[in-house]
Amino acid sequence: EPDENYERVNLSLTRLRSILEDYRDRLLVDAGKGIFFGYRPTVLANEAEVLDAFRAEELFNTHIDVAGTPREALKKAAETVPVVFERHIP
């Protein structure tokens, strides 16, 4: 969602909660958490709120790995691919 000035975005925690509630049993979590969150500081207008919620709320902190930058998140996701393949692809 855009912020009030249309300069940054707000991550909708309400929507993210809803999605996780519906799909958390389908996440591939063989090598850790199922979602890797990478972000650039100051892009999210509600960055502090998001990071606080990711640490404090069990739904988030059990499924979301705050991986640093987007590049670091992609690297962590790529590292899980062999583990997922070993378990799910005969």
PDB file of N, CA and C in Angstrom:
ATOM      1  N   GLU A   1       0.856  -1.181   0.000  1.00  0.00           N
ATOM      2  CA  GLU A   1       0.000   0.000   0.000  1.00  0.00           C
ATOM      3  C   GLU A   1       0.894   1.233   0.000  1.00  0.00           C
ATOM      4  N   PRO A   2       0.529   2.266  -0.759  1.00  0.00           N
ATOM      5  CA  PRO A   2       1.336   3.495  -0.712  1.00  0.00           C
ATOM      6  C   PRO A   2       1.123   4.225   0.608  1.00  0.00           C
ATOM      7  N   ASP A   3       2.135   4.986   1.030  1.00  0.00           N
ATOM      8  CA  ASP A   3       1.940   5.821   2.212  1.00  0.00           C
ATOM      9  C   ASP A   3       1.124   7.047   1.810  1.00  0.00           C
ATOM     10  N   GLU A   4       0.861   7.895   2.777  1.00  0.00           N
ATOM     11  CA  GLU A   4      -0.013   9.049   2.529  1.00  0.00           C
ATOM     12  C   GLU A   4       0.563  10.026   1.515  1.00  0.00           C
ATOM     13  N   ASN A   5       1.862  10.039   1.326  1.00  0.00           N
ATOM     14  CA  ASN A   5       2.502  10.956   0.366  1.00  0.00           C
ATOM     15  C   ASN A   5       2.860  10.273  -0.957  1.00  0.00           C
ATOM     16  N   TYR A   6       2.550   9.006  -1.069  1.00  0.00           N
ATOM     17  CA  TYR A   6       2.914   8.212  -2.251  1.00  0.00           C
ATOM     18  C   TYR A   6       4.416   8.222  -2.516  1.00  0.00           C
ATOM     19  N   GLU A   7       5.192   8.250  -1.440  1.00  0.00           N
ATOM     20  CA  GLU A   7       6.651   8.248  -1.563  1.00  0.00           C
ATOM     21  C   GLU A   7       7.248   6.888  -1.181  1.00  0.00           C
ATOM     22  N   ARG A   8       6.603   6.212  -0.253  1.00  0.00           N
ATOM     23  CA  ARG A   8       7.071   4.904   0.201  1.00  0.00           C
ATOM     24  C   ARG A   8       5.872   3.971   0.270  1.00  0.00           C
ATOM     25  N   VAL A   9       6.122   2.752   0.670  1.00  0.00           N
ATOM     26  CA  VAL A   9       5.034   1.782   0.765  1.00  0.00           C
ATOM     27  C   VAL A   9       4.892   1.282   2.199  1.00  0.00           C
ATOM     28  N   ASN A  10       3.698   0.861   2.531  1.00  0.00           N
ATOM     29  CA  ASN A  10       3.414   0.197   3.800  1.00  0.00           C
ATOM     30  C   ASN A  10       3.166  -1.267   3.499  1.00  0.00           C
ATOM     31  N   LEU A  11       3.827  -2.140   4.231  1.00  0.00           N
ATOM     32  CA  LEU A  11       3.550  -3.563   4.124  1.00  0.00           C
ATOM     33  C   LEU A  11       2.323  -3.839   4.981  1.00  0.00           C
ATOM     34  N   SER A  12       1.296  -4.417   4.395  1.00  0.00           N
ATOM     35  CA  SER A  12       0.071  -4.703   5.130  1.00  0.00           C
ATOM     36  C   SER A  12       0.254  -5.953   5.979  1.00  0.00           C
ATOM     37  N   LEU A  13       0.431  -5.753   7.258  1.00  0.00           N
ATOM     38  CA  LEU A  13       0.580  -6.877   8.172  1.00  0.00           C
ATOM     39  C   LEU A  13      -0.725  -7.663   8.295  1.00  0.00           C
ATOM     40  N   THR A  14      -1.843  -6.987   8.151  1.00  0.00           N
ATOM     41  CA  THR A  14      -3.145  -7.666   8.198  1.00  0.00           C
ATOM     42  C   THR A  14      -3.255  -8.666   7.053  1.00  0.00           C
ATOM     43  N   ARG A  15      -2.899  -8.249   5.859  1.00  0.00           N
ATOM     44  CA  ARG A  15      -2.939  -9.167   4.708  1.00  0.00           C
ATOM     45  C   ARG A  15      -1.939 -10.292   4.866  1.00  0.00           C
ATOM     46  N   LEU A  16      -0.746  -9.967   5.326  1.00  0.00           N
ATOM     47  CA  LEU A  16       0.280 -10.988   5.495  1.00  0.00           C
ATOM     48  C   LEU A  16      -0.149 -12.015   6.540  1.00  0.00           C
ATOM     49  N   ARG A  17      -0.756 -11.573   7.628  1.00  0.00           N
ATOM     50  CA  ARG A  17      -1.270 -12.505   8.633  1.00  0.00           C
ATOM     51  C   ARG A  17      -2.295 -13.448   8.010  1.00  0.00           C
ATOM     52  N   SER A  18      -3.203 -12.878   7.238  1.00  0.00           N
ATOM     53  CA  SER A  18      -4.253 -13.666   6.595  1.00  0.00           C
ATOM     54  C   SER A  18      -3.665 -14.716   5.658  1.00  0.00           C
ATOM     55  N   ILE A  19      -2.680 -14.325   4.866  1.00  0.00           N
ATOM     56  CA  ILE A  19      -2.039 -15.258   3.933  1.00  0.00           C
ATOM     57  C   ILE A  19      -1.322 -16.366   4.700  1.00  0.00           C
ATOM     58  N   LEU A  20      -0.581 -16.001   5.734  1.00  0.00           N
ATOM     59  CA  LEU A  20       0.126 -17.016   6.521  1.00  0.00           C
ATOM     60  C   LEU A  20      -0.837 -17.973   7.220  1.00  0.00           C
ATOM     61  N   GLU A  21      -1.922 -17.450   7.726  1.00  0.00           N
ATOM     62  CA  GLU A  21      -2.925 -18.314   8.360  1.00  0.00           C
ATOM     63  C   GLU A  21      -3.439 -19.346   7.355  1.00  0.00           C
ATOM     64  N   ASP A  22      -3.685 -18.912   6.128  1.00  0.00           N
ATOM     65  CA  ASP A  22      -4.238 -19.803   5.115  1.00  0.00           C
ATOM     66  C   ASP A  22      -3.220 -20.775   4.527  1.00  0.00           C
ATOM     67  N   TYR A  23      -1.976 -20.371   4.409  1.00  0.00           N
ATOM     68  CA  TYR A  23      -0.999 -21.162   3.655  1.00  0.00           C
ATOM     69  C   TYR A  23       0.194 -21.673   4.454  1.00  0.00           C
ATOM     70  N   ARG A  24       0.255 -21.437   5.740  1.00  0.00           N
ATOM     71  CA  ARG A  24       1.451 -21.826   6.498  1.00  0.00           C
ATOM     72  C   ARG A  24       1.708 -23.315   6.477  1.00  0.00           C
ATOM     73  N   ASP A  25       0.680 -24.119   6.303  1.00  0.00           N
ATOM     74  CA  ASP A  25       0.880 -25.571   6.245  1.00  0.00           C
ATOM     75  C   ASP A  25       1.433 -26.024   4.894  1.00  0.00           C
ATOM     76  N   ARG A  26       1.548 -25.107   3.943  1.00  0.00           N
ATOM     77  CA  ARG A  26       2.068 -25.451   2.610  1.00  0.00           C
ATOM     78  C   ARG A  26       3.473 -24.912   2.365  1.00  0.00           C
ATOM     79  N   LEU A  27       4.047 -24.236   3.347  1.00  0.00           N
ATOM     80  CA  LEU A  27       5.399 -23.701   3.182  1.00  0.00           C
ATOM     81  C   LEU A  27       6.414 -24.830   3.237  1.00  0.00           C
ATOM     82  N   LEU A  28       7.402 -24.750   2.384  1.00  0.00           N
ATOM     83  CA  LEU A  28       8.488 -25.725   2.396  1.00  0.00           C
ATOM     84  C   LEU A  28       9.510 -25.265   3.432  1.00  0.00           C
ATOM     85  N   VAL A  29       9.488 -25.902   4.575  1.00  0.00           N
ATOM     86  CA  VAL A  29      10.309 -25.451   5.695  1.00  0.00           C
ATOM     87  C   VAL A  29      11.378 -26.471   6.078  1.00  0.00           C
ATOM     88  N   ASP A  30      11.812 -27.267   5.122  1.00  0.00           N
ATOM     89  CA  ASP A  30      12.787 -28.310   5.403  1.00  0.00           C
ATOM     90  C   ASP A  30      14.113 -27.761   5.916  1.00  0.00           C
ATOM     91  N   ALA A  31      14.491 -26.577   5.483  1.00  0.00           N
ATOM     92  CA  ALA A  31      15.797 -26.019   5.850  1.00  0.00           C
ATOM     93  C   ALA A  31      15.635 -24.719   6.616  1.00  0.00           C
ATOM     94  N   GLY A  32      14.633 -24.625   7.464  1.00  0.00           N
ATOM     95  CA  GLY A  32      14.438 -23.405   8.233  1.00  0.00           C
ATOM     96  C   GLY A  32      13.039 -22.851   8.045  1.00  0.00           C
ATOM     97  N   LYS A  33      12.947 -21.555   7.981  1.00  0.00           N
ATOM     98  CA  LYS A  33      11.655 -20.892   7.841  1.00  0.00           C
ATOM     99  C   LYS A  33      11.261 -20.847   6.364  1.00  0.00           C
ATOM    100  N   GLY A  34       9.986 -20.747   6.095  1.00  0.00           N
ATOM    101  CA  GLY A  34       9.499 -20.838   4.723  1.00  0.00           C
ATOM    102  C   GLY A  34       9.530 -19.553   3.930  1.00  0.00           C
ATOM    103  N   ILE A  35       9.691 -18.415   4.597  1.00  0.00           N
ATOM    104  CA  ILE A  35       9.690 -17.121   3.902  1.00  0.00           C
ATOM    105  C   ILE A  35      10.946 -16.353   4.297  1.00  0.00           C
ATOM    106  N   PHE A  36      11.638 -15.847   3.303  1.00  0.00           N
ATOM    107  CA  PHE A  36      12.825 -15.033   3.539  1.00  0.00           C
ATOM    108  C   PHE A  36      12.478 -13.596   3.183  1.00  0.00           C
ATOM    109  N   PHE A  37      12.636 -12.712   4.136  1.00  0.00           N
ATOM    110  CA  PHE A  37      12.263 -11.310   3.959  1.00  0.00           C
ATOM    111  C   PHE A  37      13.524 -10.463   3.861  1.00  0.00           C
ATOM    112  N   GLY A  38      13.729  -9.896   2.702  1.00  0.00           N
ATOM    113  CA  GLY A  38      14.831  -8.972   2.501  1.00  0.00           C
ATOM    114  C   GLY A  38      14.270  -7.601   2.187  1.00  0.00           C
ATOM    115  N   TYR A  39      14.898  -6.571   2.682  1.00  0.00           N
ATOM    116  CA  TYR A  39      14.373  -5.223   2.477  1.00  0.00           C
ATOM    117  C   TYR A  39      15.502  -4.205   2.454  1.00  0.00           C
ATOM    118  N   ARG A  40      15.199  -3.068   1.898  1.00  0.00           N
ATOM    119  CA  ARG A  40      16.118  -1.933   1.901  1.00  0.00           C
ATOM    120  C   ARG A  40      15.622  -0.945   2.956  1.00  0.00           C
ATOM    121  N   PRO A  41      16.478  -0.532   3.880  1.00  0.00           N
ATOM    122  CA  PRO A  41      16.061   0.439   4.890  1.00  0.00           C
ATOM    123  C   PRO A  41      15.474   1.698   4.244  1.00  0.00           C
ATOM    124  N   THR A  42      14.452   2.198   4.860  1.00  0.00           N
ATOM    125  CA  THR A  42      13.704   3.417   4.518  1.00  0.00           C
ATOM    126  C   THR A  42      12.753   3.256   3.344  1.00  0.00           C
ATOM    127  N   VAL A  43      12.683   2.092   2.709  1.00  0.00           N
ATOM    128  CA  VAL A  43      11.713   1.897   1.627  1.00  0.00           C
ATOM    129  C   VAL A  43      10.319   1.707   2.202  1.00  0.00           C
ATOM    130  N   LEU A  44      10.220   0.922   3.265  1.00  0.00           N
ATOM    131  CA  LEU A  44       8.924   0.721   3.908  1.00  0.00           C
ATOM    132  C   LEU A  44       8.634   1.875   4.860  1.00  0.00           C
ATOM    133  N   ALA A  45       7.481   2.472   4.686  1.00  0.00           N
ATOM    134  CA  ALA A  45       7.080   3.555   5.584  1.00  0.00           C
ATOM    135  C   ALA A  45       6.833   3.017   6.995  1.00  0.00           C
ATOM    136  N   ASN A  46       6.408   1.773   7.093  1.00  0.00           N
ATOM    137  CA  ASN A  46       6.137   1.166   8.397  1.00  0.00           C
ATOM    138  C   ASN A  46       7.189   0.115   8.767  1.00  0.00           C
ATOM    139  N   GLU A  47       8.430   0.391   8.404  1.00  0.00           N
ATOM    140  CA  GLU A  47       9.539  -0.540   8.631  1.00  0.00           C
ATOM    141  C   GLU A  47       9.649  -0.978  10.094  1.00  0.00           C
ATOM    142  N   ALA A  48       9.632  -0.053  11.022  1.00  0.00           N
ATOM    143  CA  ALA A  48       9.764  -0.395  12.441  1.00  0.00           C
ATOM    144  C   ALA A  48       8.611  -1.284  12.900  1.00  0.00           C
ATOM    145  N   GLU A  49       7.412  -0.956  12.480  1.00  0.00           N
ATOM    146  CA  GLU A  49       6.238  -1.754  12.845  1.00  0.00           C
ATOM    147  C   GLU A  49       6.366  -3.181  12.293  1.00  0.00           C
ATOM    148  N   VAL A  50       6.797  -3.304  11.048  1.00  0.00           N
ATOM    149  CA  VAL A  50       6.951  -4.618  10.413  1.00  0.00           C
ATOM    150  C   VAL A  50       8.004  -5.443  11.144  1.00  0.00           C
ATOM    151  N   LEU A  51       9.168  -4.873  11.368  1.00  0.00           N
ATOM    152  CA  LEU A  51      10.239  -5.613  12.036  1.00  0.00           C
ATOM    153  C   LEU A  51       9.856  -5.991  13.458  1.00  0.00           C
ATOM    154  N   ASP A  52       9.182  -5.092  14.166  1.00  0.00           N
ATOM    155  CA  ASP A  52       8.714  -5.401  15.522  1.00  0.00           C
ATOM    156  C   ASP A  52       7.722  -6.561  15.494  1.00  0.00           C
ATOM    157  N   ALA A  53       6.787  -6.536  14.550  1.00  0.00           N
ATOM    158  CA  ALA A  53       5.795  -7.608  14.440  1.00  0.00           C
ATOM    159  C   ALA A  53       6.455  -8.927  14.075  1.00  0.00           C
ATOM    160  N   PHE A  54       7.444  -8.891  13.179  1.00  0.00           N
ATOM    161  CA  PHE A  54       8.146 -10.115  12.789  1.00  0.00           C
ATOM    162  C   PHE A  54       8.876 -10.738  13.974  1.00  0.00           C
ATOM    163  N   ARG A  55       9.349  -9.929  14.898  1.00  0.00           N
ATOM    164  CA  ARG A  55      10.031 -10.446  16.087  1.00  0.00           C
ATOM    165  C   ARG A  55       9.039 -10.887  17.162  1.00  0.00           C
ATOM    166  N   ALA A  56       7.968 -10.151  17.335  1.00  0.00           N
ATOM    167  CA  ALA A  56       7.077 -10.352  18.477  1.00  0.00           C
ATOM    168  C   ALA A  56       5.980 -11.397  18.251  1.00  0.00           C
ATOM    169  N   GLU A  57       5.463 -11.488  17.047  1.00  0.00           N
ATOM    170  CA  GLU A  57       4.302 -12.347  16.803  1.00  0.00           C
ATOM    171  C   GLU A  57       4.737 -13.748  16.376  1.00  0.00           C
ATOM    172  N   GLU A  58       4.233 -14.732  17.064  1.00  0.00           N
ATOM    173  CA  GLU A  58       4.620 -16.117  16.792  1.00  0.00           C
ATOM    174  C   GLU A  58       4.345 -16.519  15.342  1.00  0.00           C
ATOM    175  N   LEU A  59       3.220 -16.121  14.795  1.00  0.00           N
ATOM    176  CA  LEU A  59       2.899 -16.458  13.408  1.00  0.00           C
ATOM    177  C   LEU A  59       4.000 -15.994  12.464  1.00  0.00           C
ATOM    178  N   PHE A  60       4.518 -14.808  12.707  1.00  0.00           N
ATOM    179  CA  PHE A  60       5.581 -14.278  11.852  1.00  0.00           C
ATOM    180  C   PHE A  60       6.940 -14.885  12.187  1.00  0.00           C
ATOM    181  N   ASN A  61       7.310 -14.888  13.463  1.00  0.00           N
ATOM    182  CA  ASN A  61       8.683 -15.295  13.783  1.00  0.00           C
ATOM    183  C   ASN A  61       8.935 -16.790  13.599  1.00  0.00           C
ATOM    184  N   THR A  62       7.889 -17.589  13.489  1.00  0.00           N
ATOM    185  CA  THR A  62       8.108 -19.006  13.205  1.00  0.00           C
ATOM    186  C   THR A  62       8.184 -19.292  11.709  1.00  0.00           C
ATOM    187  N   HIS A  63       7.734 -18.357  10.862  1.00  0.00           N
ATOM    188  CA  HIS A  63       7.688 -18.615   9.421  1.00  0.00           C
ATOM    189  C   HIS A  63       8.516 -17.650   8.585  1.00  0.00           C
ATOM    190  N   ILE A  64       8.922 -16.520   9.152  1.00  0.00           N
ATOM    191  CA  ILE A  64       9.630 -15.503   8.368  1.00  0.00           C
ATOM    192  C   ILE A  64      11.036 -15.317   8.914  1.00  0.00           C
ATOM    193  N   ASP A  65      11.997 -15.424   8.025  1.00  0.00           N
ATOM    194  CA  ASP A  65      13.401 -15.176   8.341  1.00  0.00           C
ATOM    195  C   ASP A  65      13.758 -13.797   7.788  1.00  0.00           C
ATOM    196  N   VAL A  66      14.008 -12.839   8.665  1.00  0.00           N
ATOM    197  CA  VAL A  66      14.444 -11.513   8.215  1.00  0.00           C
ATOM    198  C   VAL A  66      15.905 -11.671   7.813  1.00  0.00           C
ATOM    199  N   ALA A  67      16.114 -11.704   6.506  1.00  0.00           N
ATOM    200  CA  ALA A  67      17.395 -12.129   5.950  1.00  0.00           C
ATOM    201  C   ALA A  67      18.329 -10.981   5.626  1.00  0.00           C
ATOM    202  N   GLY A  68      17.932  -9.766   5.855  1.00  0.00           N
ATOM    203  CA  GLY A  68      18.775  -8.620   5.514  1.00  0.00           C
ATOM    204  C   GLY A  68      18.309  -7.985   4.221  1.00  0.00           C
ATOM    205  N   THR A  69      19.216  -7.873   3.269  1.00  0.00           N
ATOM    206  CA  THR A  69      18.884  -7.245   1.990  1.00  0.00           C
ATOM    207  C   THR A  69      18.125  -8.234   1.103  1.00  0.00           C
ATOM    208  N   PRO A  70      17.484  -7.740   0.048  1.00  0.00           N
ATOM    209  CA  PRO A  70      16.848  -8.664  -0.893  1.00  0.00           C
ATOM    210  C   PRO A  70      17.828  -9.701  -1.449  1.00  0.00           C
ATOM    211  N   ARG A  71      19.041  -9.285  -1.734  1.00  0.00           N
ATOM    212  CA  ARG A  71      20.053 -10.213  -2.248  1.00  0.00           C
ATOM    213  C   ARG A  71      20.348 -11.318  -1.228  1.00  0.00           C
ATOM    214  N   GLU A  72      20.483 -10.937   0.032  1.00  0.00           N
ATOM    215  CA  GLU A  72      20.741 -11.930   1.076  1.00  0.00           C
ATOM    216  C   GLU A  72      19.561 -12.890   1.231  1.00  0.00           C
ATOM    217  N   ALA A  73      18.344 -12.371   1.087  1.00  0.00           N
ATOM    218  CA  ALA A  73      17.158 -13.230   1.165  1.00  0.00           C
ATOM    219  C   ALA A  73      17.148 -14.236   0.018  1.00  0.00           C
ATOM    220  N   LEU A  74      17.477 -13.794  -1.190  1.00  0.00           N
ATOM    221  CA  LEU A  74      17.537 -14.707  -2.327  1.00  0.00           C
ATOM    222  C   LEU A  74      18.623 -15.760  -2.141  1.00  0.00           C
ATOM    223  N   LYS A  75      19.752 -15.354  -1.589  1.00  0.00           N
ATOM    224  CA  LYS A  75      20.838 -16.304  -1.348  1.00  0.00           C
ATOM    225  C   LYS A  75      20.392 -17.373  -0.358  1.00  0.00           C
ATOM    226  N   LYS A  76      19.737 -16.969   0.726  1.00  0.00           N
ATOM    227  CA  LYS A  76      19.253 -17.939   1.705  1.00  0.00           C
ATOM    228  C   LYS A  76      18.215 -18.870   1.086  1.00  0.00           C
ATOM    229  N   ALA A  77      17.327 -18.307   0.270  1.00  0.00           N
ATOM    230  CA  ALA A  77      16.327 -19.144  -0.392  1.00  0.00           C
ATOM    231  C   ALA A  77      16.994 -20.156  -1.317  1.00  0.00           C
ATOM    232  N   ALA A  78      17.986 -19.720  -2.068  1.00  0.00           N
ATOM    233  CA  ALA A  78      18.705 -20.612  -2.977  1.00  0.00           C
ATOM    234  C   ALA A  78      19.405 -21.727  -2.206  1.00  0.00           C
ATOM    235  N   GLU A  79      19.915 -21.423  -1.033  1.00  0.00           N
ATOM    236  CA  GLU A  79      20.597 -22.432  -0.221  1.00  0.00           C
ATOM    237  C   GLU A  79      19.652 -23.521   0.260  1.00  0.00           C
ATOM    238  N   THR A  80      18.361 -23.236   0.333  1.00  0.00           N
ATOM    239  CA  THR A  80      17.390 -24.238   0.783  1.00  0.00           C
ATOM    240  C   THR A  80      16.942 -25.161  -0.335  1.00  0.00           C
ATOM    241  N   VAL A  81      17.184 -24.791  -1.592  1.00  0.00           N
ATOM    242  CA  VAL A  81      16.704 -25.581  -2.722  1.00  0.00           C
ATOM    243  C   VAL A  81      17.205 -27.025  -2.677  1.00  0.00           C
ATOM    244  N   PRO A  82      18.497 -27.265  -2.477  1.00  0.00           N
ATOM    245  CA  PRO A  82      18.938 -28.668  -2.433  1.00  0.00           C
ATOM    246  C   PRO A  82      18.251 -29.487  -1.337  1.00  0.00           C
ATOM    247  N   VAL A  83      18.034 -28.891  -0.194  1.00  0.00           N
ATOM    248  CA  VAL A  83      17.380 -29.596   0.914  1.00  0.00           C
ATOM    249  C   VAL A  83      15.939 -29.935   0.539  1.00  0.00           C
ATOM    250  N   VAL A  84      15.241 -28.994  -0.062  1.00  0.00           N
ATOM    251  CA  VAL A  84      13.854 -29.227  -0.475  1.00  0.00           C
ATOM    252  C   VAL A  84      13.809 -30.312  -1.548  1.00  0.00           C
ATOM    253  N   PHE A  85      14.708 -30.244  -2.531  1.00  0.00           N
ATOM    254  CA  PHE A  85      14.738 -31.252  -3.581  1.00  0.00           C
ATOM    255  C   PHE A  85      14.998 -32.648  -3.009  1.00  0.00           C
ATOM    256  N   GLU A  86      15.950 -32.741  -2.094  1.00  0.00           N
ATOM    257  CA  GLU A  86      16.258 -34.045  -1.504  1.00  0.00           C
ATOM    258  C   GLU A  86      15.048 -34.662  -0.823  1.00  0.00           C
ATOM    259  N   ARG A  87      14.283 -33.821  -0.186  1.00  0.00           N
ATOM    260  CA  ARG A  87      13.129 -34.342   0.559  1.00  0.00           C
ATOM    261  C   ARG A  87      11.910 -34.594  -0.310  1.00  0.00           C
ATOM    262  N   HIS A  88      11.675 -33.769  -1.320  1.00  0.00           N
ATOM    263  CA  HIS A  88      10.414 -33.822  -2.060  1.00  0.00           C
ATOM    264  C   HIS A  88      10.510 -34.365  -3.482  1.00  0.00           C
ATOM    265  N   ILE A  89      11.707 -34.472  -4.025  1.00  0.00           N
ATOM    266  CA  ILE A  89      11.866 -34.963  -5.398  1.00  0.00           C
ATOM    267  C   ILE A  89      12.613 -36.296  -5.344  1.00  0.00           C
ATOM    268  N   PRO A  90      11.953 -37.381  -5.729  1.00  0.00           N
ATOM    269  CA  PRO A  90      12.618 -38.701  -5.655  1.00  0.00           C
ATOM    270  C   PRO A  90      13.732 -38.831  -6.698  1.00  0.00           C
TER     271      PRO A  90
END
